[in-house]
Amino acid sequence: MYHKISPDTPTMWWVSVNDFYRQMVEISNKEVVYLDDYNPENLNQVVITFDGIYKNVLEYALPILKYFNYSFELFLTSDYIGLDNDFDNVEPNSNFTTLDELLQLVSGGGRLQWHTQRHSNLKEITDIELIKKELTIPQSIKDLDSKGYNWFAYPHGEFNDVVKNEVKKRFKGAVSCNQGNDYDSYALNRLTVVNETSLRNNKIACIVASYNYGDYLIEALESVLRQTILPNEILISDDCSDDETQVIAEGYLKKYPTLIKYNRNKTNLGIVDHFNKAISLITSEYIFFLGADNRLFSNYIEECSKILDEKDNIAIAYTDYAFFGTRAKLTYETFPEERKGRIIENELYQICFPEFDSRDELLKTLQEGNFIHGSSMFKRSVFNELGGYMKSNIAEDYNLFKRIIEKGYNAKKVTKTNFEYRQHSISQVNNVLAIQNKMLFYKNQYLNKTDFENSNSYRISLKLYKGLNFFKKNYKKPKVIIKKGMKYFLKKIKQVL
């Protein structure tokens, strides 16, 4: 049950446009039906309902509902048509729909149902005539939807026996968000949806793995943060980089403390051990890795997660990818013609991979060579069952995905999105975008610092702290200490000269 959909959410009765879209994605593997077709025993069915009806449902919810081709129910309170909720002393002011706007919602797939004339709490009313009046639908309102008004929603989710008996005389069924259950067609339960509501059982995690890719980390993270639906977890996992990875990661951690986590390995573990450790640090069922030098199309998480939602047996969702970067065209030219896809604005060079009608065909092709890239989304439960990443004479992702298919699970191609795979130059320099991103990052970090952080005392303290840490790590390595000291000494001489 929804009330208001809007970019801003001042109270719990407002759901943001972004969260509403995410929730619609989360039910995309369900059968969305009208109440007339709803079977409470069918756990795959979902009914979307709105109460009010507020104008922002037309403005913000309807385009999303039409995009997914979802049916929906509109429980109408007739006395407030064309007015606002000025009577509500708690809620911010919001306009109800007009008659013309209600017709637009009906033509967009909505079905009008009844929610009384004045939204009175019927549980507190025993006067039979007053109850009948609230349950009576004016003919002018009935004429708005010839297929509607078979269902009733109890105001405030509450009712008494007298009300329920009168409802039975007039409607096919009724719904409640308070006194409801899953078996009585005149008291079917409704879930009150808020921003935080998740309609998917499985959470999603993106692990951004970095080893000395600080130059590109910002670009990778921003591609995750711009997704049509965000993951539940983002873990930046740093395999003991000696570049700016840590500084940048900690900056993002500070900015998104509830979404982003940061892991830094004390020593370089290598790919297999690093990846296995990273997965142990997150809790989600749907997982994918993103190399810190790569990027995602904006709908990557949405489309991949929908594929994994389809069937329990689908353990991997893979995509095509597009090369970008200084050597993208050269790498693209090395692929056979049947694998070459579109070239987009001479910047993105798409490589296409096959789809399969059967798992046997998929397995046979996979045994001949890999086509499932390392950023494919997979199920953690299957990963655990197979023992995770393992060291072998083939790439760690190829080894894992091949073992998953050999075990009897399936992989399915995602056709509506893409993964962007950076092709570096030999020197990996002169990347203007990376430089611009870092300049902006450091500018924001500096502007957000406190006066103390910008003071000489803080800078001196920080240098002392770093120096002590360096000696603590290297006190048994005098050559390393001498080398570091000489480097610092020469740097100071150059500054003087």
Protein backbone atom coordinates (compact mmCIF):
# COMPACT_ATOMS: atom_id res chain seq x y z
CA MET A 1 0.00 0.00 0.00
CA TYR A 2 1.29 3.42 -1.03
CA HIS A 3 0.02 6.92 -0.34
CA LYS A 4 2.39 9.45 -1.90
CA ILE A 5 5.30 9.15 -4.36
CA SER A 6 7.67 12.10 -4.63
CA PRO A 7 11.36 13.05 -4.98
CA ASP A 8 11.25 14.27 -1.36
CA THR A 9 9.96 12.20 1.55
CA PRO A 10 9.07 14.36 4.57
CA THR A 11 7.27 11.55 6.47
CA MET A 12 6.89 7.75 6.34
CA TRP A 13 3.78 8.09 4.16
CA TRP A 14 5.90 9.39 1.29
CA VAL A 15 8.04 7.01 -0.77
CA SER A 16 10.82 8.48 -2.89
CA VAL A 17 10.76 8.06 -6.65
CA ASN A 18 14.07 6.17 -6.49
CA ASP A 19 12.84 3.74 -3.85
CA PHE A 20 9.52 3.26 -5.63
CA TYR A 21 11.38 2.38 -8.83
CA ARG A 22 13.62 -0.04 -6.91
CA GLN A 23 10.58 -1.72 -5.36
CA MET A 24 8.96 -2.10 -8.77
CA VAL A 25 12.16 -3.77 -10.01
CA GLU A 26 12.10 -6.09 -7.01
CA ILE A 27 8.66 -7.47 -7.95
CA SER A 28 9.46 -7.80 -11.65
CA ASN A 29 9.66 -11.59 -11.36
CA LYS A 30 6.20 -11.69 -9.73
CA GLU A 31 2.77 -11.74 -11.36
CA VAL A 32 1.24 -8.30 -10.76
CA VAL A 33 -2.57 -8.59 -10.87
CA TYR A 34 -5.77 -6.72 -10.08
CA LEU A 35 -7.61 -7.67 -6.89
CA ASP A 36 -10.30 -9.35 -8.99
CA ASP A 37 -7.66 -11.87 -10.12
CA TYR A 38 -5.79 -12.17 -6.83
CA ASN A 39 -5.40 -15.54 -5.13
CA PRO A 40 -4.00 -15.21 -1.57
CA GLU A 41 -2.62 -18.75 -1.79
CA ASN A 42 -0.51 -17.87 -4.84
CA LEU A 43 2.70 -16.50 -3.33
CA ASN A 44 3.88 -15.35 -6.75
CA GLN A 45 1.07 -12.79 -7.11
CA VAL A 46 1.31 -9.14 -6.08
CA VAL A 47 -1.30 -6.36 -6.02
CA ILE A 48 -0.13 -2.72 -6.03
CA THR A 49 -2.50 -0.33 -4.23
CA PHE A 50 -2.66 3.42 -3.60
CA ASP A 51 -4.90 5.23 -1.12
CA GLY A 52 -6.15 8.78 -1.47
CA ILE A 53 -5.60 9.42 -4.40
CA TYR A 54 -2.83 12.04 -4.47
CA LYS A 55 -1.72 13.98 -7.53
CA ASN A 56 1.90 12.91 -7.11
CA VAL A 57 0.84 9.33 -7.89
CA LEU A 58 -0.07 10.56 -11.37
CA GLU A 59 3.09 12.66 -11.69
CA TYR A 60 5.70 10.20 -10.42
CA ALA A 61 4.27 6.70 -9.99
CA LEU A 62 2.30 6.34 -13.22
CA PRO A 63 5.28 6.66 -15.63
CA ILE A 64 7.12 3.94 -13.70
CA LEU A 65 4.05 1.68 -13.55
CA LYS A 66 3.54 2.08 -17.30
CA TYR A 67 7.22 1.29 -17.93
CA PHE A 68 6.79 -2.05 -16.16
CA ASN A 69 3.27 -2.54 -17.57
CA TYR A 70 1.88 -3.12 -14.07
CA SER A 71 -1.77 -3.05 -13.10
CA PHE A 72 -2.67 -1.17 -9.91
CA GLU A 73 -5.61 -0.36 -7.64
CA LEU A 74 -6.71 3.16 -6.60
CA PHE A 75 -8.72 3.36 -3.37
CA LEU A 76 -10.61 6.63 -3.64
CA THR A 77 -11.92 8.99 -0.95
CA SER A 78 -14.46 11.01 -2.93
CA ASP A 79 -15.01 14.12 -0.78
CA TYR A 80 -11.43 15.29 -1.32
CA ILE A 81 -11.27 15.02 -5.12
CA GLY A 82 -9.58 18.17 -6.46
CA LEU A 83 -8.76 19.44 -2.94
CA ASP A 84 -5.76 19.00 -0.64
CA ASN A 85 -5.09 17.35 2.72
CA ASP A 86 -5.36 20.57 4.72
CA PHE A 87 -7.46 18.63 7.25
CA ASP A 88 -4.36 16.58 8.22
CA ASN A 89 -2.49 18.48 10.93
CA VAL A 90 0.50 16.13 10.83
CA GLU A 91 1.20 15.57 7.14
CA PRO A 92 2.67 18.24 4.82
CA ASN A 93 0.22 19.74 2.37
CA SER A 94 -0.41 17.66 -0.75
CA ASN A 95 -3.02 17.88 -3.52
CA PHE A 96 -5.48 15.13 -4.34
CA THR A 97 -6.25 14.30 -7.96
CA THR A 98 -9.02 15.93 -9.95
CA LEU A 99 -11.66 13.96 -11.87
CA ASP A 100 -9.71 14.35 -15.11
CA GLU A 101 -6.52 13.15 -13.43
CA LEU A 102 -8.32 10.09 -12.06
CA LEU A 103 -9.37 9.25 -15.61
CA GLN A 104 -5.72 9.50 -16.70
CA LEU A 105 -4.76 7.01 -14.00
CA VAL A 106 -7.51 4.63 -15.09
CA SER A 107 -6.44 4.85 -18.73
CA GLY A 108 -2.86 4.16 -17.57
CA GLY A 109 -3.79 0.79 -16.05
CA GLY A 110 -5.34 1.78 -12.73
CA ARG A 111 -8.64 0.50 -11.40
CA LEU A 112 -10.76 2.61 -9.04
CA GLN A 113 -11.96 1.07 -5.78
CA TRP A 114 -13.77 2.50 -2.75
CA HIS A 115 -12.27 4.02 0.43
CA THR A 116 -15.39 5.87 1.79
CA GLN A 117 -16.48 9.43 1.19
CA ARG A 118 -14.71 11.13 4.13
CA HIS A 119 -12.09 8.62 5.37
CA SER A 120 -13.79 8.27 8.77
CA ASN A 121 -12.58 5.54 11.13
CA LEU A 122 -15.47 3.10 10.73
CA LYS A 123 -14.44 1.02 13.72
CA GLU A 124 -15.72 3.81 15.96
CA ILE A 125 -19.09 4.07 14.18
CA THR A 126 -22.11 1.92 15.08
CA ASP A 127 -24.83 4.09 13.49
CA ILE A 128 -25.96 1.89 10.61
CA GLU A 129 -27.21 4.81 8.49
CA LEU A 130 -23.90 6.64 8.80
CA ILE A 131 -22.03 3.46 7.88
CA LYS A 132 -24.25 2.97 4.82
CA LYS A 133 -23.65 6.56 3.74
CA GLU A 134 -19.86 6.13 3.90
CA LEU A 135 -20.07 2.90 1.91
CA THR A 136 -22.33 4.35 -0.80
CA ILE A 137 -20.56 5.32 -4.03
CA PRO A 138 -22.07 8.35 -5.83
CA GLN A 139 -23.11 7.54 -9.39
CA SER A 140 -20.89 10.27 -10.85
CA ILE A 141 -17.91 8.58 -9.20
CA LYS A 142 -18.98 5.12 -10.35
CA ASP A 143 -19.06 6.37 -13.92
CA LEU A 144 -15.31 7.05 -13.82
CA ASP A 145 -14.48 3.34 -14.07
CA SER A 146 -16.90 0.71 -15.36
CA LYS A 147 -14.61 -2.13 -14.21
CA GLY A 148 -13.95 -0.81 -10.72
CA TYR A 149 -15.50 -0.53 -7.27
CA ASN A 150 -15.60 -4.24 -6.50
CA TRP A 151 -13.24 -3.81 -3.54
CA PHE A 152 -13.18 -1.75 -0.37
CA ALA A 153 -10.31 -0.50 1.83
CA TYR A 154 -11.12 0.15 5.50
CA PRO A 155 -10.00 3.67 6.50
CA HIS A 156 -7.12 3.45 9.01
CA GLY A 157 -7.23 -0.31 8.41
CA GLU A 158 -9.89 -0.75 11.10
CA PHE A 159 -13.48 -2.02 11.23
CA ASN A 160 -16.10 -3.57 13.49
CA ASP A 161 -18.51 -6.44 12.83
CA VAL A 162 -21.35 -4.14 11.76
CA VAL A 163 -19.13 -2.43 9.19
CA LYS A 164 -17.78 -5.73 7.89
CA ASN A 165 -21.30 -7.14 7.41
CA GLU A 166 -22.35 -4.06 5.43
CA VAL A 167 -19.20 -4.27 3.32
CA LYS A 168 -20.05 -7.89 2.45
CA LYS A 169 -23.40 -6.73 1.03
CA ARG A 170 -21.76 -4.27 -1.37
CA PHE A 171 -18.28 -5.47 -2.36
CA LYS A 172 -16.49 -8.55 -3.62
CA GLY A 173 -13.84 -8.18 -0.91
CA ALA A 174 -11.98 -5.77 1.35
CA VAL A 175 -8.44 -4.98 2.48
CA SER A 176 -6.92 -3.77 5.73
CA CYS A 177 -3.45 -2.64 6.80
CA ASN A 178 -4.20 -3.22 10.48
CA GLN A 179 -6.76 -5.96 11.19
CA GLY A 180 -6.04 -7.97 8.04
CA ASN A 181 -5.06 -11.59 7.46
CA ASP A 182 -4.21 -13.83 4.51
CA TYR A 183 -7.37 -15.94 4.33
CA ASP A 184 -10.47 -13.74 4.83
CA SER A 185 -11.41 -12.07 1.54
CA TYR A 186 -13.14 -9.29 3.53
CA ALA A 187 -10.06 -8.55 5.62
CA LEU A 188 -7.07 -9.22 3.38
CA ASN A 189 -3.84 -7.88 4.79
CA ARG A 190 -1.90 -5.06 3.11
CA LEU A 191 1.76 -4.17 3.57
CA THR A 192 2.39 -0.48 4.26
CA VAL A 193 5.37 0.33 2.05
CA VAL A 194 7.99 2.87 3.17
CA ASN A 195 11.32 3.96 1.69
CA GLU A 196 13.24 1.20 3.43
CA THR A 197 10.88 -1.58 2.39
CA SER A 198 12.56 -4.27 0.32
CA LEU A 199 10.33 -6.57 -1.70
CA ARG A 200 13.21 -8.85 -2.67
CA ASN A 201 14.48 -11.56 -0.35
CA ASN A 202 18.06 -11.39 -1.60
CA LYS A 203 20.39 -8.45 -0.98
CA ILE A 204 22.97 -7.31 -3.54
CA ALA A 205 26.65 -6.52 -2.97
CA CYS A 206 29.19 -4.86 -5.25
CA ILE A 207 32.84 -5.50 -4.37
CA VAL A 208 35.15 -2.93 -5.94
CA ALA A 209 38.55 -4.63 -5.96
CA SER A 210 41.64 -2.45 -6.24
CA TYR A 211 45.37 -2.94 -6.37
CA ASN A 212 47.13 0.29 -7.32
CA TYR A 213 44.17 1.50 -9.39
CA GLY A 214 43.56 4.65 -7.37
CA ASP A 215 43.70 6.65 -10.61
CA TYR A 216 40.45 5.01 -11.74
CA LEU A 217 38.71 4.18 -8.46
CA ILE A 218 36.56 7.33 -8.48
CA GLU A 219 35.22 6.54 -11.94
CA ALA A 220 34.37 2.96 -10.93
CA LEU A 221 32.62 3.99 -7.72
CA GLU A 222 30.60 6.72 -9.41
CA SER A 223 29.35 4.19 -11.97
CA VAL A 224 28.01 2.11 -9.06
CA LEU A 225 26.47 5.10 -7.30
CA ARG A 226 24.67 6.11 -10.52
CA GLN A 227 22.84 2.78 -10.85
CA THR A 228 19.07 2.75 -11.40
CA ILE A 229 18.92 0.68 -8.22
CA LEU A 230 21.73 0.80 -5.69
CA PRO A 231 23.25 -2.34 -4.17
CA ASN A 232 22.65 -3.00 -0.48
CA GLU A 233 26.40 -3.12 0.11
CA ILE A 234 29.45 -1.61 -1.59
CA LEU A 235 32.78 -2.95 -0.36
CA ILE A 236 35.98 -1.30 -1.54
CA SER A 237 38.57 -4.02 -1.07
CA ASP A 238 42.18 -2.87 -1.32
CA ASP A 239 44.89 -5.51 -1.74
CA CYS A 240 47.58 -3.41 0.01
CA SER A 241 47.92 -0.73 -2.67
CA ASP A 242 50.73 1.79 -2.36
CA ASP A 243 48.98 4.52 -4.35
CA GLU A 244 46.02 6.78 -3.47
CA THR A 245 43.47 3.97 -3.17
CA GLN A 246 43.24 4.22 0.63
CA VAL A 247 42.78 8.00 0.69
CA ILE A 248 40.04 7.88 -1.93
CA ALA A 249 38.30 4.89 -0.35
CA GLU A 250 38.24 6.52 3.07
CA GLY A 251 36.80 9.68 1.51
CA TYR A 252 33.89 7.70 0.05
CA LEU A 253 33.45 5.80 3.31
CA LYS A 254 33.05 9.10 5.13
CA LYS A 255 30.52 10.34 2.57
CA TYR A 256 28.42 7.12 2.43
CA PRO A 257 28.92 5.49 5.87
CA THR A 258 25.83 3.25 5.71
CA LEU A 259 26.37 2.06 2.14
CA ILE A 260 30.13 1.75 1.66
CA LYS A 261 32.64 -0.34 3.62
CA TYR A 262 36.41 -0.38 3.16
CA ASN A 263 38.81 -3.29 3.60
CA ARG A 264 42.57 -2.89 3.31
CA ASN A 265 44.70 -6.03 3.40
CA LYS A 266 47.85 -5.71 5.51
CA THR A 267 49.80 -7.61 2.85
CA ASN A 268 49.14 -8.28 -0.81
CA LEU A 269 47.10 -11.51 -0.90
CA GLY A 270 46.82 -11.99 -4.64
CA ILE A 271 43.56 -12.35 -6.53
CA VAL A 272 42.17 -15.65 -5.18
CA ASP A 273 42.80 -15.07 -1.48
CA HIS A 274 41.83 -11.40 -1.78
CA PHE A 275 38.51 -12.17 -3.48
CA ASN A 276 37.61 -14.94 -1.03
CA LYS A 277 38.35 -12.63 1.89
CA ALA A 278 36.29 -9.81 0.36
CA ILE A 279 33.25 -12.07 0.03
CA SER A 280 33.61 -13.10 3.67
CA LEU A 281 33.22 -9.43 4.64
CA ILE A 282 29.79 -8.92 3.05
CA THR A 283 26.42 -10.55 3.77
CA SER A 284 24.48 -10.34 0.49
CA GLU A 285 23.31 -13.29 -1.59
CA TYR A 286 23.81 -11.63 -5.00
CA ILE A 287 27.45 -10.64 -5.53
CA PHE A 288 29.57 -9.17 -8.30
CA PHE A 289 33.10 -7.82 -8.48
CA LEU A 290 34.02 -4.60 -10.24
CA GLY A 291 37.66 -3.98 -10.99
CA ALA A 292 38.56 -0.48 -9.81
CA ASP A 293 39.60 0.39 -13.37
CA ASN A 294 36.28 -0.62 -14.97
CA ARG A 295 32.73 0.79 -15.10
CA LEU A 296 29.09 -0.27 -15.24
CA PHE A 297 26.20 0.77 -17.48
CA SER A 298 23.64 2.54 -15.27
CA ASN A 299 21.14 -0.36 -15.32
CA TYR A 300 23.68 -3.12 -14.73
CA ILE A 301 22.59 -4.07 -11.20
CA GLU A 302 18.90 -3.84 -12.05
CA GLU A 303 19.05 -6.11 -15.07
CA CYS A 304 21.48 -8.69 -13.65
CA SER A 305 19.55 -9.07 -10.40
CA LYS A 306 16.30 -9.60 -12.32
CA ILE A 307 17.87 -12.57 -14.09
CA LEU A 308 19.00 -14.17 -10.82
CA ASP A 309 15.50 -13.63 -9.43
CA GLU A 310 13.94 -15.72 -12.20
CA LYS A 311 14.84 -19.24 -11.06
CA ASP A 312 16.71 -20.89 -8.21
CA ASN A 313 18.79 -22.84 -10.73
CA ILE A 314 20.16 -19.69 -12.41
CA ALA A 315 23.38 -19.04 -10.49
CA ILE A 316 25.16 -16.62 -12.85
CA ALA A 317 23.97 -13.57 -14.80
CA TYR A 318 26.50 -12.56 -17.48
CA THR A 319 26.54 -9.77 -20.06
CA ASP A 320 28.32 -8.51 -23.12
CA TYR A 321 31.02 -5.96 -22.49
CA ALA A 322 32.34 -2.86 -24.20
CA PHE A 323 36.01 -1.95 -24.38
CA PHE A 324 36.98 1.64 -23.63
CA GLY A 325 40.27 3.43 -23.12
CA THR A 326 43.34 4.12 -25.23
CA ARG A 327 43.72 0.56 -26.55
CA ALA A 328 40.01 -0.25 -26.92
CA LYS A 329 39.98 -0.24 -30.72
CA LEU A 330 43.15 -2.33 -30.97
CA THR A 331 41.76 -4.98 -28.61
CA TYR A 332 38.40 -4.96 -30.40
CA GLU A 333 40.12 -5.73 -33.71
CA THR A 334 41.62 -8.94 -32.29
CA PHE A 335 38.17 -10.53 -31.87
CA PRO A 336 36.46 -12.60 -34.60
CA GLU A 337 33.79 -10.82 -36.62
CA GLU A 338 30.93 -12.78 -35.05
CA ARG A 339 31.87 -11.38 -31.63
CA LYS A 340 32.14 -7.74 -32.71
CA GLY A 341 29.16 -5.59 -31.77
CA ARG A 342 28.41 -1.91 -32.05
CA ILE A 343 30.96 0.88 -31.92
CA ILE A 344 29.46 3.75 -29.93
CA GLU A 345 30.80 7.25 -30.69
CA ASN A 346 34.24 5.77 -31.38
CA GLU A 347 34.65 5.30 -27.62
CA LEU A 348 32.90 2.05 -26.70
CA TYR A 349 33.63 -1.13 -28.66
CA GLN A 350 31.10 -3.83 -27.87
CA ILE A 351 31.96 -7.53 -27.71
CA CYS A 352 28.98 -9.89 -27.89
CA PHE A 353 28.71 -13.28 -26.23
CA PRO A 354 26.36 -16.18 -27.00
CA GLU A 355 23.02 -17.10 -25.44
CA PHE A 356 22.04 -20.73 -24.95
CA ASP A 357 18.81 -22.71 -25.07
CA SER A 358 20.17 -25.50 -22.88
CA ARG A 359 22.62 -25.89 -20.02
CA ASP A 360 24.39 -28.73 -21.87
CA GLU A 361 25.11 -26.45 -24.82
CA LEU A 362 26.32 -23.73 -22.46
CA LEU A 363 28.64 -26.15 -20.63
CA LYS A 364 30.10 -27.50 -23.86
CA THR A 365 30.92 -23.98 -25.09
CA LEU A 366 32.30 -22.96 -21.71
CA GLN A 367 34.64 -25.95 -21.66
CA GLU A 368 36.07 -24.75 -24.98
CA GLY A 369 36.76 -21.24 -23.67
CA ASN A 370 35.49 -18.59 -21.29
CA PHE A 371 32.82 -16.05 -22.23
CA ILE A 372 31.56 -15.21 -18.71
CA HIS A 373 33.50 -12.16 -17.55
CA GLY A 374 34.69 -11.66 -13.99
CA SER A 375 32.11 -8.98 -13.15
CA SER A 376 29.17 -11.30 -13.78
CA MET A 377 26.68 -11.44 -10.90
CA PHE A 378 26.41 -14.75 -9.05
CA LYS A 379 24.72 -16.31 -6.03
CA ARG A 380 26.69 -16.51 -2.82
CA SER A 381 25.00 -19.74 -1.71
CA VAL A 382 26.30 -21.50 -4.83
CA PHE A 383 29.72 -19.89 -4.42
CA ASN A 384 29.90 -21.30 -0.88
CA GLU A 385 28.71 -24.71 -2.03
CA LEU A 386 31.56 -24.90 -4.56
CA GLY A 387 34.22 -23.74 -2.09
CA GLY A 388 34.77 -20.27 -3.53
CA TYR A 389 37.61 -19.15 -5.77
CA MET A 390 40.44 -21.65 -6.19
CA LYS A 391 43.97 -21.39 -7.52
CA SER A 392 44.46 -23.24 -10.81
CA ASN A 393 46.15 -22.94 -14.19
CA ILE A 394 43.20 -20.93 -15.56
CA ALA A 395 41.76 -17.56 -14.52
CA GLU A 396 40.04 -17.60 -11.13
CA ASP A 397 36.66 -16.43 -12.48
CA TYR A 398 36.70 -18.93 -15.36
CA ASN A 399 37.54 -21.71 -12.92
CA LEU A 400 34.69 -20.74 -10.57
CA PHE A 401 32.03 -20.29 -13.24
CA LYS A 402 32.97 -23.53 -15.01
CA ARG A 403 32.68 -25.46 -11.75
CA ILE A 404 29.27 -23.89 -11.09
CA ILE A 405 27.91 -25.01 -14.47
CA GLU A 406 29.50 -28.46 -14.14
CA LYS A 407 27.71 -28.83 -10.79
CA GLY A 408 24.37 -28.54 -12.57
CA TYR A 409 23.53 -24.86 -12.21
CA ASN A 410 22.75 -22.57 -15.12
CA ALA A 411 24.00 -19.20 -16.36
CA LYS A 412 21.83 -16.79 -18.32
CA LYS A 413 22.82 -13.84 -20.47
CA VAL A 414 21.51 -10.39 -19.58
CA THR A 415 20.68 -8.64 -22.83
CA LYS A 416 19.62 -5.16 -21.70
CA THR A 417 22.83 -3.88 -20.14
CA ASN A 418 26.59 -3.88 -20.52
CA PHE A 419 29.86 -3.91 -18.63
CA GLU A 420 32.62 -1.44 -19.56
CA TYR A 421 36.09 -2.98 -19.68
CA ARG A 422 39.03 -0.57 -19.66
CA GLN A 423 41.91 -1.22 -22.07
CA HIS A 424 44.99 0.54 -20.70
CA SER A 425 47.77 2.15 -22.62
CA ILE A 426 51.20 0.67 -21.96
CA SER A 427 52.23 3.64 -19.84
CA GLN A 428 48.77 4.18 -18.30
CA VAL A 429 49.35 7.95 -18.26
CA ASN A 430 47.69 11.04 -19.65
CA ASN A 431 44.24 9.91 -18.52
CA VAL A 432 42.55 13.32 -18.41
CA LEU A 433 39.29 12.06 -16.87
CA ALA A 434 41.13 10.28 -14.04
CA ILE A 435 43.12 13.43 -13.29
CA GLN A 436 39.97 15.58 -13.32
CA ASN A 437 38.17 13.15 -11.00
CA LYS A 438 41.04 13.19 -8.52
CA MET A 439 41.27 17.00 -8.61
CA LEU A 440 37.56 17.25 -7.83
CA PHE A 441 37.84 14.61 -5.09
CA TYR A 442 40.71 16.36 -3.33
CA LYS A 443 39.07 19.73 -3.73
CA ASN A 444 35.92 18.46 -2.00
CA GLN A 445 37.96 16.72 0.68
CA TYR A 446 39.92 19.90 1.37
CA LEU A 447 36.87 22.16 1.44
CA ASN A 448 35.13 19.80 3.86
CA LYS A 449 38.03 19.69 6.32
CA THR A 450 37.80 21.39 9.70
CA ASP A 451 40.10 24.30 10.60
CA PHE A 452 42.15 21.89 12.73
CA GLU A 453 42.66 19.52 9.79
CA ASN A 454 43.96 22.44 7.72
CA SER A 455 46.28 23.67 10.48
CA ASN A 456 50.07 23.23 10.71
CA SER A 457 49.62 21.33 13.97
CA TYR A 458 47.49 18.75 12.22
CA ARG A 459 49.93 18.42 9.29
CA ILE A 460 52.92 17.97 11.64
CA SER A 461 51.00 15.45 13.77
CA LEU A 462 50.02 13.53 10.66
CA LYS A 463 53.63 13.38 9.44
CA LEU A 464 54.80 12.14 12.85
CA TYR A 465 52.06 9.52 12.90
CA LYS A 466 53.01 8.27 9.43
CA GLY A 467 56.71 8.29 10.36
CA LEU A 468 56.12 6.21 13.49
CA ASN A 469 53.99 3.76 11.54
CA PHE A 470 56.74 3.44 8.92
CA PHE A 471 59.42 2.70 11.56
CA LYS A 472 57.08 0.26 13.32
CA LYS A 473 56.65 -1.74 10.12
CA ASN A 474 60.29 -1.58 8.98
CA TYR A 475 62.44 -1.48 12.13
CA LYS A 476 64.00 -4.83 11.13
CA LYS A 477 64.77 -3.51 7.62
CA PRO A 478 67.52 -0.88 7.99
CA LYS A 479 68.06 -0.67 4.21
CA VAL A 480 64.42 0.32 3.68
CA ILE A 481 64.70 3.00 6.40
CA ILE A 482 67.93 4.40 4.94
CA LYS A 483 66.46 4.45 1.42
CA LYS A 484 63.35 6.27 2.63
CA GLY A 485 65.48 8.77 4.58
CA MET A 486 67.71 9.51 1.58
CA LYS A 487 64.67 10.01 -0.64
CA TYR A 488 63.17 12.49 1.85
CA PHE A 489 66.55 14.30 2.25
CA LEU A 490 67.03 14.69 -1.53
CA LYS A 491 63.47 15.97 -1.88
CA LYS A 492 64.14 18.70 0.70
CA ILE A 493 67.43 19.71 -1.03
CA LYS A 494 65.57 20.11 -4.35
CA GLN A 495 62.95 22.31 -2.66
CA VAL A 496 65.72 24.58 -1.27
CA LEU A 497 67.51 24.78 -4.63
